[in-house]
Amino acid sequence: MPASKKISIAFSTKNEAGSLFRSLAALALRDLSLTKIESRPLKGKAWEYMFYVDFEGQLKDERVQNAIRHLRETADFVKVLGAY
């Protein structure tokens, strides 16, 4: 079975200045290339969103593991949806 080349994650942040920037910086600082970003409002939480991001990489890659660890430090919620 070939190794995955794309990873999908979902995360949410507080409605604070710079919070999305800090979250996406976790990926940018490790030169991970985004292929998609989408936002959906969170029910019952005005001005808060769930962000869905696809980026190139493999889960076993140290850069990816470090990026996800860093993202967990800056975001309220992080979930890896899959790798394919």
Protein backbone atom coordinates (compact mmCIF):
# COMPACT_ATOMS: atom_id res chain seq x y z
CA MET A 1 0.00 0.00 0.00
CA PRO A 2 1.49 3.39 -0.96
CA ALA A 3 2.22 5.95 1.76
CA SER A 4 -0.26 8.78 2.22
CA LYS A 5 0.66 12.13 0.73
CA LYS A 6 -2.13 14.34 2.05
CA ILE A 7 -3.46 14.94 5.56
CA SER A 8 -6.82 16.41 6.56
CA ILE A 9 -7.27 18.11 9.93
CA ALA A 10 -9.97 20.13 11.68
CA PHE A 11 -9.31 22.73 14.35
CA SER A 12 -11.00 25.62 16.10
CA THR A 13 -9.63 28.74 17.74
CA LYS A 14 -10.96 31.45 20.01
CA ASN A 15 -12.30 34.63 18.43
CA GLU A 16 -9.13 36.61 19.23
CA ALA A 17 -6.89 38.73 17.06
CA GLY A 18 -4.16 36.61 15.47
CA SER A 19 -5.46 33.21 16.61
CA LEU A 20 -5.90 31.84 13.07
CA PHE A 21 -2.49 33.23 12.08
CA ARG A 22 -0.81 31.51 15.05
CA SER A 23 -2.53 28.22 14.23
CA LEU A 24 -1.57 28.27 10.56
CA ALA A 25 1.97 29.29 11.48
CA ALA A 26 2.41 25.81 13.00
CA LEU A 27 2.20 24.46 9.44
CA ALA A 28 3.99 27.32 7.68
CA LEU A 29 7.03 27.22 9.98
CA ARG A 30 7.58 23.63 8.89
CA ASP A 31 7.17 24.33 5.16
CA LEU A 32 3.99 22.23 4.91
CA SER A 33 2.00 23.15 1.82
CA LEU A 34 -1.73 23.72 2.28
CA THR A 35 -3.94 22.37 -0.49
CA LYS A 36 -7.28 23.45 1.03
CA ILE A 37 -8.64 25.60 3.83
CA GLU A 38 -12.32 25.95 4.64
CA SER A 39 -14.23 27.43 7.59
CA ARG A 40 -17.63 26.62 9.04
CA PRO A 41 -19.33 28.49 11.91
CA LEU A 42 -19.60 26.66 15.23
CA LYS A 43 -23.18 26.21 16.40
CA GLY A 44 -24.05 28.31 19.40
CA LYS A 45 -20.71 30.16 19.39
CA ALA A 46 -20.93 33.53 17.70
CA TRP A 47 -17.91 34.40 15.56
CA GLU A 48 -16.14 31.09 16.24
CA TYR A 49 -15.32 28.67 13.45
CA MET A 50 -14.13 25.16 12.72
CA PHE A 51 -11.34 25.22 10.15
CA TYR A 52 -10.79 22.28 7.81
CA VAL A 53 -7.30 22.12 6.32
CA ASP A 54 -5.66 19.71 3.90
CA PHE A 55 -1.91 19.78 3.51
CA GLU A 56 0.80 17.71 1.88
CA GLY A 57 2.74 15.32 4.08
CA GLN A 58 2.80 11.99 5.87
CA LEU A 59 1.77 11.40 9.47
CA LYS A 60 5.04 9.62 10.27
CA ASP A 61 7.07 12.66 9.13
CA GLU A 62 8.65 14.49 12.08
CA ARG A 63 7.75 17.89 10.59
CA VAL A 64 4.07 16.88 10.47
CA GLN A 65 4.12 15.49 14.01
CA ASN A 66 5.76 18.69 15.30
CA ALA A 67 3.27 20.86 13.40
CA ILE A 68 0.28 19.01 14.87
CA ARG A 69 1.81 19.16 18.37
CA HIS A 70 2.39 22.93 17.94
CA LEU A 71 -1.15 23.40 16.60
CA ARG A 72 -2.54 21.67 19.70
CA GLU A 73 -0.76 24.31 21.80
CA THR A 74 -2.39 27.22 19.95
CA ALA A 75 -5.85 25.91 19.01
CA ASP A 76 -8.81 25.03 21.25
CA PHE A 77 -9.54 21.79 19.38
CA VAL A 78 -7.53 19.71 16.89
CA LYS A 79 -8.48 16.48 15.18
CA VAL A 80 -6.65 14.59 12.45
CA LEU A 81 -9.41 13.52 10.08
CA GLY A 82 -7.28 11.25 7.93
CA ALA A 83 -4.28 10.69 5.72
CA TYR A 84 -4.57 9.51 2.13
